[in-house]
Amino acid sequence: MVFAIFFLTSCTSNSITLPKTLHGMVKTYTVNDKGTVEILGQDMTTEPMHWLYVKCDHWSGCYMRCQGKVKSCKKVVIDNKLDVDYIFSDNGK
């Protein structure tokens, strides 16, 4: 059984929130020691960083930092049953 876990970080703190674990999904990403979601099978030296702001109950909102193709990062959010409010991408490396 494969577990899919992904990290949301509050915009105003360094605390990490773990949404419910999903069973039976193929793991398409890892989370590095800085809390960034990295999409498996994509070149982390060339892919840009994205901040996906998602709906949550925290007063300042929540985001997921992700490195990889934006479509793949958005899929991680959607697969975890969260809604994307907007995406900021750092394309200027």
PDB file of N, CA and C in Angstrom:
ATOM      1  N   MET A   1       0.849  -1.170   0.000  1.00  0.00           N
ATOM      2  CA  MET A   1       0.000   0.000   0.000  1.00  0.00           C
ATOM      3  C   MET A   1       0.900   1.241   0.000  1.00  0.00           C
ATOM      4  N   VAL A   2       0.634   2.137  -0.893  1.00  0.00           N
ATOM      5  CA  VAL A   2       1.437   3.348  -1.004  1.00  0.00           C
ATOM      6  C   VAL A   2       0.682   4.497  -0.339  1.00  0.00           C
ATOM      7  N   PHE A   3       1.393   5.261   0.441  1.00  0.00           N
ATOM      8  CA  PHE A   3       0.775   6.407   1.108  1.00  0.00           C
ATOM      9  C   PHE A   3       1.177   7.684   0.378  1.00  0.00           C
ATOM     10  N   ALA A   4       0.255   8.562   0.200  1.00  0.00           N
ATOM     11  CA  ALA A   4       0.539   9.862  -0.401  1.00  0.00           C
ATOM     12  C   ALA A   4       0.392  10.909   0.690  1.00  0.00           C
ATOM     13  N   ILE A   5       1.476  11.587   0.977  1.00  0.00           N
ATOM     14  CA  ILE A   5       1.457  12.617   2.005  1.00  0.00           C
ATOM     15  C   ILE A   5       1.978  13.895   1.375  1.00  0.00           C
ATOM     16  N   PHE A   6       1.358  15.000   1.729  1.00  0.00           N
ATOM     17  CA  PHE A   6       1.897  16.234   1.207  1.00  0.00           C
ATOM     18  C   PHE A   6       1.796  17.335   2.236  1.00  0.00           C
ATOM     19  N   PHE A   7       2.708  18.271   2.150  1.00  0.00           N
ATOM     20  CA  PHE A   7       2.862  19.274   3.181  1.00  0.00           C
ATOM     21  C   PHE A   7       2.267  20.609   2.761  1.00  0.00           C
ATOM     22  N   LEU A   8       1.544  21.213   3.679  1.00  0.00           N
ATOM     23  CA  LEU A   8       1.078  22.586   3.531  1.00  0.00           C
ATOM     24  C   LEU A   8       1.772  23.392   4.608  1.00  0.00           C
ATOM     25  N   THR A   9       2.226  24.540   4.275  1.00  0.00           N
ATOM     26  CA  THR A   9       2.891  25.377   5.241  1.00  0.00           C
ATOM     27  C   THR A   9       2.138  26.692   5.354  1.00  0.00           C
ATOM     28  N   SER A  10       1.875  27.105   6.553  1.00  0.00           N
ATOM     29  CA  SER A  10       1.181  28.371   6.760  1.00  0.00           C
ATOM     30  C   SER A  10       2.050  29.514   6.277  1.00  0.00           C
ATOM     31  N   CYS A  11       1.425  30.522   5.729  1.00  0.00           N
ATOM     32  CA  CYS A  11       2.148  31.683   5.224  1.00  0.00           C
ATOM     33  C   CYS A  11       2.825  32.476   6.338  1.00  0.00           C
ATOM     34  N   THR A  12       2.368  32.343   7.566  1.00  0.00           N
ATOM     35  CA  THR A  12       2.907  33.155   8.646  1.00  0.00           C
ATOM     36  C   THR A  12       3.716  32.366   9.661  1.00  0.00           C
ATOM     37  N   SER A  13       3.882  31.095   9.455  1.00  0.00           N
ATOM     38  CA  SER A  13       4.645  30.307  10.424  1.00  0.00           C
ATOM     39  C   SER A  13       5.395  29.201   9.701  1.00  0.00           C
ATOM     40  N   ASN A  14       6.216  28.509  10.446  1.00  0.00           N
ATOM     41  CA  ASN A  14       6.952  27.386   9.879  1.00  0.00           C
ATOM     42  C   ASN A  14       6.295  26.058  10.215  1.00  0.00           C
ATOM     43  N   SER A  15       5.092  26.090  10.778  1.00  0.00           N
ATOM     44  CA  SER A  15       4.435  24.838  11.126  1.00  0.00           C
ATOM     45  C   SER A  15       3.993  24.111   9.864  1.00  0.00           C
ATOM     46  N   ILE A  16       3.975  22.805   9.940  1.00  0.00           N
ATOM     47  CA  ILE A  16       3.603  21.972   8.794  1.00  0.00           C
ATOM     48  C   ILE A  16       2.305  21.266   9.129  1.00  0.00           C
ATOM     49  N   THR A  17       1.376  21.292   8.203  1.00  0.00           N
ATOM     50  CA  THR A  17       0.103  20.612   8.363  1.00  0.00           C
ATOM     51  C   THR A  17       0.065  19.429   7.427  1.00  0.00           C
ATOM     52  N   LEU A  18      -0.322  18.273   7.935  1.00  0.00           N
ATOM     53  CA  LEU A  18      -0.432  17.081   7.110  1.00  0.00           C
ATOM     54  C   LEU A  18      -1.895  16.762   6.859  1.00  0.00           C
ATOM     55  N   PRO A  19      -2.351  16.848   5.613  1.00  0.00           N
ATOM     56  CA  PRO A  19      -3.715  16.415   5.328  1.00  0.00           C
ATOM     57  C   PRO A  19      -3.819  14.903   5.498  1.00  0.00           C
ATOM     58  N   LYS A  20      -5.032  14.384   5.452  1.00  0.00           N
ATOM     59  CA  LYS A  20      -5.211  12.955   5.642  1.00  0.00           C
ATOM     60  C   LYS A  20      -4.410  12.162   4.612  1.00  0.00           C
ATOM     61  N   THR A  21      -3.910  11.025   5.042  1.00  0.00           N
ATOM     62  CA  THR A  21      -3.135  10.140   4.174  1.00  0.00           C
ATOM     63  C   THR A  21      -4.077   9.390   3.246  1.00  0.00           C
ATOM     64  N   LEU A  22      -3.709   9.304   1.990  1.00  0.00           N
ATOM     65  CA  LEU A  22      -4.525   8.611   1.002  1.00  0.00           C
ATOM     66  C   LEU A  22      -3.906   7.247   0.714  1.00  0.00           C
ATOM     67  N   HIS A  23      -4.722   6.225   0.710  1.00  0.00           N
ATOM     68  CA  HIS A  23      -4.242   4.869   0.491  1.00  0.00           C
ATOM     69  C   HIS A  23      -4.429   4.465  -0.975  1.00  0.00           C
ATOM     70  N   GLY A  24      -3.532   3.644  -1.477  1.00  0.00           N
ATOM     71  CA  GLY A  24      -3.699   3.068  -2.802  1.00  0.00           C
ATOM     72  C   GLY A  24      -3.296   3.949  -3.962  1.00  0.00           C
ATOM     73  N   MET A  25      -2.701   5.108  -3.700  1.00  0.00           N
ATOM     74  CA  MET A  25      -2.278   5.987  -4.792  1.00  0.00           C
ATOM     75  C   MET A  25      -0.817   5.713  -5.135  1.00  0.00           C
ATOM     76  N   VAL A  26      -0.475   5.866  -6.390  1.00  0.00           N
ATOM     77  CA  VAL A  26       0.910   5.735  -6.823  1.00  0.00           C
ATOM     78  C   VAL A  26       1.645   7.001  -6.403  1.00  0.00           C
ATOM     79  N   LYS A  27       2.787   6.834  -5.775  1.00  0.00           N
ATOM     80  CA  LYS A  27       3.548   7.984  -5.297  1.00  0.00           C
ATOM     81  C   LYS A  27       4.230   8.661  -6.479  1.00  0.00           C
ATOM     82  N   THR A  28       3.924   9.933  -6.691  1.00  0.00           N
ATOM     83  CA  THR A  28       4.468  10.689  -7.822  1.00  0.00           C
ATOM     84  C   THR A  28       5.404  11.795  -7.375  1.00  0.00           C
ATOM     85  N   TYR A  29       5.656  11.902  -6.077  1.00  0.00           N
ATOM     86  CA  TYR A  29       6.486  12.982  -5.557  1.00  0.00           C
ATOM     87  C   TYR A  29       7.144  12.571  -4.253  1.00  0.00           C
ATOM     88  N   THR A  30       8.148  13.347  -3.858  1.00  0.00           N
ATOM     89  CA  THR A  30       8.767  13.217  -2.548  1.00  0.00           C
ATOM     90  C   THR A  30       8.731  14.594  -1.894  1.00  0.00           C
ATOM     91  N   VAL A  31       8.998  14.641  -0.612  1.00  0.00           N
ATOM     92  CA  VAL A  31       9.102  15.908   0.105  1.00  0.00           C
ATOM     93  C   VAL A  31      10.521  15.984   0.659  1.00  0.00           C
ATOM     94  N   ASN A  32      11.260  17.028   0.249  1.00  0.00           N
ATOM     95  CA  ASN A  32      12.647  17.129   0.701  1.00  0.00           C
ATOM     96  C   ASN A  32      12.717  17.665   2.130  1.00  0.00           C
ATOM     97  N   ASP A  33      13.925  17.779   2.675  1.00  0.00           N
ATOM     98  CA  ASP A  33      14.096  18.194   4.070  1.00  0.00           C
ATOM     99  C   ASP A  33      13.692  19.639   4.324  1.00  0.00           C
ATOM    100  N   LYS A  34      13.474  20.429   3.277  1.00  0.00           N
ATOM    101  CA  LYS A  34      13.012  21.813   3.430  1.00  0.00           C
ATOM    102  C   LYS A  34      11.495  21.916   3.306  1.00  0.00           C
ATOM    103  N   GLY A  35      10.825  20.776   3.103  1.00  0.00           N
ATOM    104  CA  GLY A  35       9.373  20.778   2.981  1.00  0.00           C
ATOM    105  C   GLY A  35       8.853  21.046   1.587  1.00  0.00           C
ATOM    106  N   THR A  36       9.738  21.018   0.594  1.00  0.00           N
ATOM    107  CA  THR A  36       9.325  21.247  -0.792  1.00  0.00           C
ATOM    108  C   THR A  36       8.932  19.932  -1.435  1.00  0.00           C
ATOM    109  N   VAL A  37       7.780  19.921  -2.085  1.00  0.00           N
ATOM    110  CA  VAL A  37       7.346  18.753  -2.849  1.00  0.00           C
ATOM    111  C   VAL A  37       8.172  18.724  -4.133  1.00  0.00           C
ATOM    112  N   GLU A  38       8.795  17.587  -4.424  1.00  0.00           N
ATOM    113  CA  GLU A  38       9.556  17.402  -5.659  1.00  0.00           C
ATOM    114  C   GLU A  38       8.894  16.295  -6.460  1.00  0.00           C
ATOM    115  N   ILE A  39       8.554  16.606  -7.708  1.00  0.00           N
ATOM    116  CA  ILE A  39       7.869  15.650  -8.570  1.00  0.00           C
ATOM    117  C   ILE A  39       8.879  14.621  -9.074  1.00  0.00           C
ATOM    118  N   LEU A  40       8.574  13.344  -8.867  1.00  0.00           N
ATOM    119  CA  LEU A  40       9.476  12.265  -9.301  1.00  0.00           C
ATOM    120  C   LEU A  40       9.518  12.191 -10.828  1.00  0.00           C
ATOM    121  N   GLY A  41      10.689  11.885 -11.374  1.00  0.00           N
ATOM    122  CA  GLY A  41      10.852  11.721 -12.808  1.00  0.00           C
ATOM    123  C   GLY A  41      11.052  13.031 -13.552  1.00  0.00           C
ATOM    124  N   GLN A  42      11.133  14.138 -12.828  1.00  0.00           N
ATOM    125  CA  GLN A  42      11.370  15.440 -13.454  1.00  0.00           C
ATOM    126  C   GLN A  42      12.698  15.990 -12.937  1.00  0.00           C
ATOM    127  N   ASP A  43      13.404  16.718 -13.781  1.00  0.00           N
ATOM    128  CA  ASP A  43      14.741  17.223 -13.464  1.00  0.00           C
ATOM    129  C   ASP A  43      14.649  18.429 -12.531  1.00  0.00           C
ATOM    130  N   MET A  44      15.042  18.251 -11.286  1.00  0.00           N
ATOM    131  CA  MET A  44      14.937  19.322 -10.296  1.00  0.00           C
ATOM    132  C   MET A  44      15.951  20.437 -10.529  1.00  0.00           C
ATOM    133  N   THR A  45      16.920  20.222 -11.414  1.00  0.00           N
ATOM    134  CA  THR A  45      17.881  21.293 -11.705  1.00  0.00           C
ATOM    135  C   THR A  45      17.338  22.265 -12.748  1.00  0.00           C
ATOM    136  N   THR A  46      16.310  21.867 -13.496  1.00  0.00           N
ATOM    137  CA  THR A  46      15.773  22.740 -14.535  1.00  0.00           C
ATOM    138  C   THR A  46      14.324  23.160 -14.314  1.00  0.00           C
ATOM    139  N   GLU A  47      13.591  22.434 -13.482  1.00  0.00           N
ATOM    140  CA  GLU A  47      12.178  22.760 -13.265  1.00  0.00           C
ATOM    141  C   GLU A  47      12.038  23.932 -12.288  1.00  0.00           C
ATOM    142  N   PRO A  48      11.089  24.833 -12.551  1.00  0.00           N
ATOM    143  CA  PRO A  48      10.905  25.993 -11.669  1.00  0.00           C
ATOM    144  C   PRO A  48      10.183  25.623 -10.370  1.00  0.00           C
ATOM    145  N   MET A  49      10.232  26.565  -9.427  1.00  0.00           N
ATOM    146  CA  MET A  49       9.546  26.424  -8.150  1.00  0.00           C
ATOM    147  C   MET A  49       8.176  27.076  -8.275  1.00  0.00           C
ATOM    148  N   HIS A  50       7.167  26.456  -7.664  1.00  0.00           N
ATOM    149  CA  HIS A  50       5.805  26.993  -7.667  1.00  0.00           C
ATOM    150  C   HIS A  50       5.297  27.043  -6.236  1.00  0.00           C
ATOM    151  N   TRP A  51       4.480  28.040  -5.943  1.00  0.00           N
ATOM    152  CA  TRP A  51       3.783  28.137  -4.666  1.00  0.00           C
ATOM    153  C   TRP A  51       2.308  28.035  -4.989  1.00  0.00           C
ATOM    154  N   LEU A  52       1.682  26.944  -4.579  1.00  0.00           N
ATOM    155  CA  LEU A  52       0.273  26.721  -4.843  1.00  0.00           C
ATOM    156  C   LEU A  52      -0.501  27.082  -3.580  1.00  0.00           C
ATOM    157  N   TYR A  53      -1.237  28.175  -3.649  1.00  0.00           N
ATOM    158  CA  TYR A  53      -2.027  28.624  -2.509  1.00  0.00           C
ATOM    159  C   TYR A  53      -3.347  27.873  -2.522  1.00  0.00           C
ATOM    160  N   VAL A  54      -3.663  27.239  -1.398  1.00  0.00           N
ATOM    161  CA  VAL A  54      -4.837  26.373  -1.321  1.00  0.00           C
ATOM    162  C   VAL A  54      -5.793  26.886  -0.247  1.00  0.00           C
ATOM    163  N   LYS A  55      -7.037  26.498  -0.381  1.00  0.00           N
ATOM    164  CA  LYS A  55      -8.041  26.875   0.608  1.00  0.00           C
ATOM    165  C   LYS A  55      -7.795  26.093   1.894  1.00  0.00           C
ATOM    166  N   CYS A  56      -7.820  26.825   3.015  1.00  0.00           N
ATOM    167  CA  CYS A  56      -7.652  26.187   4.321  1.00  0.00           C
ATOM    168  C   CYS A  56      -8.296  27.077   5.374  1.00  0.00           C
ATOM    169  N   ASP A  57      -8.331  26.620   6.609  1.00  0.00           N
ATOM    170  CA  ASP A  57      -8.976  27.354   7.683  1.00  0.00           C
ATOM    171  C   ASP A  57      -8.057  28.351   8.384  1.00  0.00           C
ATOM    172  N   HIS A  58      -6.785  28.395   8.019  1.00  0.00           N
ATOM    173  CA  HIS A  58      -5.862  29.325   8.661  1.00  0.00           C
ATOM    174  C   HIS A  58      -6.166  30.745   8.194  1.00  0.00           C
ATOM    175  N   TRP A  59      -6.123  31.712   9.098  1.00  0.00           N
ATOM    176  CA  TRP A  59      -6.524  33.085   8.779  1.00  0.00           C
ATOM    177  C   TRP A  59      -5.692  33.702   7.655  1.00  0.00           C
ATOM    178  N   SER A  60      -4.443  33.295   7.493  1.00  0.00           N
ATOM    179  CA  SER A  60      -3.608  33.901   6.453  1.00  0.00           C
ATOM    180  C   SER A  60      -3.474  33.024   5.214  1.00  0.00           C
ATOM    181  N   GLY A  61      -4.149  31.871   5.208  1.00  0.00           N
ATOM    182  CA  GLY A  61      -4.066  30.982   4.055  1.00  0.00           C
ATOM    183  C   GLY A  61      -2.948  29.975   4.185  1.00  0.00           C
ATOM    184  N   CYS A  62      -2.875  29.067   3.236  1.00  0.00           N
ATOM    185  CA  CYS A  62      -1.869  28.002   3.234  1.00  0.00           C
ATOM    186  C   CYS A  62      -1.319  27.845   1.829  1.00  0.00           C
ATOM    187  N   TYR A  63      -0.100  27.347   1.751  1.00  0.00           N
ATOM    188  CA  TYR A  63       0.477  27.077   0.439  1.00  0.00           C
ATOM    189  C   TYR A  63       1.302  25.804   0.468  1.00  0.00           C
ATOM    190  N   MET A  64       1.512  25.271  -0.722  1.00  0.00           N
ATOM    191  CA  MET A  64       2.398  24.139  -0.909  1.00  0.00           C
ATOM    192  C   MET A  64       3.488  24.592  -1.860  1.00  0.00           C
ATOM    193  N   ARG A  65       4.746  24.467  -1.444  1.00  0.00           N
ATOM    194  CA  ARG A  65       5.876  24.782  -2.308  1.00  0.00           C
ATOM    195  C   ARG A  65       6.210  23.517  -3.089  1.00  0.00           C
ATOM    196  N   CYS A  66       6.324  23.643  -4.406  1.00  0.00           N
ATOM    197  CA  CYS A  66       6.519  22.468  -5.250  1.00  0.00           C
ATOM    198  C   CYS A  66       7.487  22.784  -6.376  1.00  0.00           C
ATOM    199  N   GLN A  67       8.369  21.840  -6.650  1.00  0.00           N
ATOM    200  CA  GLN A  67       9.288  21.976  -7.773  1.00  0.00           C
ATOM    201  C   GLN A  67       8.983  20.886  -8.778  1.00  0.00           C
ATOM    202  N   GLY A  68       8.726  21.312 -10.015  1.00  0.00           N
ATOM    203  CA  GLY A  68       8.363  20.402 -11.090  1.00  0.00           C
ATOM    204  C   GLY A  68       7.455  21.134 -12.058  1.00  0.00           C
ATOM    205  N   LYS A  69       6.892  20.429 -12.974  1.00  0.00           N
ATOM    206  CA  LYS A  69       5.947  21.044 -13.906  1.00  0.00           C
ATOM    207  C   LYS A  69       4.701  21.461 -13.138  1.00  0.00           C
ATOM    208  N   VAL A  70       4.185  22.654 -13.437  1.00  0.00           N
ATOM    209  CA  VAL A  70       3.059  23.193 -12.680  1.00  0.00           C
ATOM    210  C   VAL A  70       1.851  22.262 -12.744  1.00  0.00           C
ATOM    211  N   LYS A  71       1.643  21.607 -13.871  1.00  0.00           N
ATOM    212  CA  LYS A  71       0.516  20.669 -14.009  1.00  0.00           C
ATOM    213  C   LYS A  71       0.662  19.508 -13.020  1.00  0.00           C
ATOM    214  N   SER A  72       1.890  19.016 -12.847  1.00  0.00           N
ATOM    215  CA  SER A  72       2.145  17.918 -11.910  1.00  0.00           C
ATOM    216  C   SER A  72       1.950  18.377 -10.465  1.00  0.00           C
ATOM    217  N   CYS A  73       2.398  19.599 -10.153  1.00  0.00           N
ATOM    218  CA  CYS A  73       2.232  20.139  -8.802  1.00  0.00           C
ATOM    219  C   CYS A  73       0.748  20.319  -8.483  1.00  0.00           C
ATOM    220  N   LYS A  74       0.003  20.828  -9.442  1.00  0.00           N
ATOM    221  CA  LYS A  74      -1.434  21.031  -9.234  1.00  0.00           C
ATOM    222  C   LYS A  74      -2.140  19.692  -9.011  1.00  0.00           C
ATOM    223  N   LYS A  75      -1.683  18.650  -9.698  1.00  0.00           N
ATOM    224  CA  LYS A  75      -2.284  17.322  -9.543  1.00  0.00           C
ATOM    225  C   LYS A  75      -2.090  16.794  -8.118  1.00  0.00           C
ATOM    226  N   VAL A  76      -0.946  17.079  -7.504  1.00  0.00           N
ATOM    227  CA  VAL A  76      -0.703  16.656  -6.124  1.00  0.00           C
ATOM    228  C   VAL A  76      -1.750  17.284  -5.203  1.00  0.00           C
ATOM    229  N   VAL A  77      -2.027  18.563  -5.396  1.00  0.00           N
ATOM    230  CA  VAL A  77      -3.034  19.252  -4.576  1.00  0.00           C
ATOM    231  C   VAL A  77      -4.409  18.641  -4.797  1.00  0.00           C
ATOM    232  N   ILE A  78      -4.789  18.470  -6.049  1.00  0.00           N
ATOM    233  CA  ILE A  78      -6.118  17.941  -6.383  1.00  0.00           C
ATOM    234  C   ILE A  78      -6.282  16.509  -5.880  1.00  0.00           C
ATOM    235  N   ASP A  79      -5.240  15.690  -6.035  1.00  0.00           N
ATOM    236  CA  ASP A  79      -5.301  14.300  -5.560  1.00  0.00           C
ATOM    237  C   ASP A  79      -5.498  14.223  -4.048  1.00  0.00           C
ATOM    238  N   ASN A  80      -5.072  15.268  -3.343  1.00  0.00           N
ATOM    239  CA  ASN A  80      -5.233  15.310  -1.889  1.00  0.00           C
ATOM    240  C   ASN A  80      -6.503  16.041  -1.476  1.00  0.00           C
ATOM    241  N   LYS A  81      -7.418  16.176  -2.442  1.00  0.00           N
ATOM    242  CA  LYS A  81      -8.761  16.722  -2.181  1.00  0.00           C
ATOM    243  C   LYS A  81      -8.737  18.155  -1.653  1.00  0.00           C
ATOM    244  N   LEU A  82      -7.809  18.961  -2.178  1.00  0.00           N
ATOM    245  CA  LEU A  82      -7.726  20.367  -1.808  1.00  0.00           C
ATOM    246  C   LEU A  82      -8.021  21.221  -3.040  1.00  0.00           C
ATOM    247  N   ASP A  83      -8.399  22.474  -2.793  1.00  0.00           N
ATOM    248  CA  ASP A  83      -8.716  23.400  -3.877  1.00  0.00           C
ATOM    249  C   ASP A  83      -7.612  24.440  -4.005  1.00  0.00           C
ATOM    250  N   VAL A  84      -7.150  24.675  -5.231  1.00  0.00           N
ATOM    251  CA  VAL A  84      -6.125  25.669  -5.507  1.00  0.00           C
ATOM    252  C   VAL A  84      -6.800  27.037  -5.660  1.00  0.00           C
ATOM    253  N   ASP A  85      -6.347  28.022  -4.877  1.00  0.00           N
ATOM    254  CA  ASP A  85      -6.832  29.387  -5.036  1.00  0.00           C
ATOM    255  C   ASP A  85      -6.081  30.085  -6.165  1.00  0.00           C
ATOM    256  N   TYR A  86      -4.747  30.023  -6.109  1.00  0.00           N
ATOM    257  CA  TYR A  86      -3.925  30.585  -7.181  1.00  0.00           C
ATOM    258  C   TYR A  86      -2.522  30.011  -7.084  1.00  0.00           C
ATOM    259  N   ILE A  87      -1.740  30.240  -8.145  1.00  0.00           N
ATOM    260  CA  ILE A  87      -0.387  29.689  -8.236  1.00  0.00           C
ATOM    261  C   ILE A  87       0.574  30.821  -8.570  1.00  0.00           C
ATOM    262  N   PHE A  88       1.679  30.893  -7.831  1.00  0.00           N
ATOM    263  CA  PHE A  88       2.763  31.811  -8.134  1.00  0.00           C
ATOM    264  C   PHE A  88       3.947  30.960  -8.564  1.00  0.00           C
ATOM    265  N   SER A  89       4.533  31.274  -9.711  1.00  0.00           N
ATOM    266  CA  SER A  89       5.664  30.485 -10.219  1.00  0.00           C
ATOM    267  C   SER A  89       6.901  31.354 -10.351  1.00  0.00           C
ATOM    268  N   ASP A  90       8.037  30.773  -9.977  1.00  0.00           N
ATOM    269  CA  ASP A  90       9.331  31.428 -10.114  1.00  0.00           C
ATOM    270  C   ASP A  90       9.991  30.880 -11.367  1.00  0.00           C
ATOM    271  N   ASN A  91       9.711  31.502 -12.499  1.00  0.00           N
ATOM    272  CA  ASN A  91      10.259  31.023 -13.767  1.00  0.00           C
ATOM    273  C   ASN A  91      11.582  31.673 -14.124  1.00  0.00           C
ATOM    274  N   GLY A  92      12.026  32.640 -13.360  1.00  0.00           N
ATOM    275  CA  GLY A  92      13.256  33.358 -13.693  1.00  0.00           C
ATOM    276  C   GLY A  92      14.451  32.856 -12.943  1.00  0.00           C
ATOM    277  N   LYS A  93      14.959  31.685 -13.328  1.00  0.00           N
ATOM    278  CA  LYS A  93      16.131  31.121 -12.657  1.00  0.00           C
ATOM    279  C   LYS A  93      17.390  31.730 -13.188  1.00  0.00           C
TER     280      LYS A  93
END
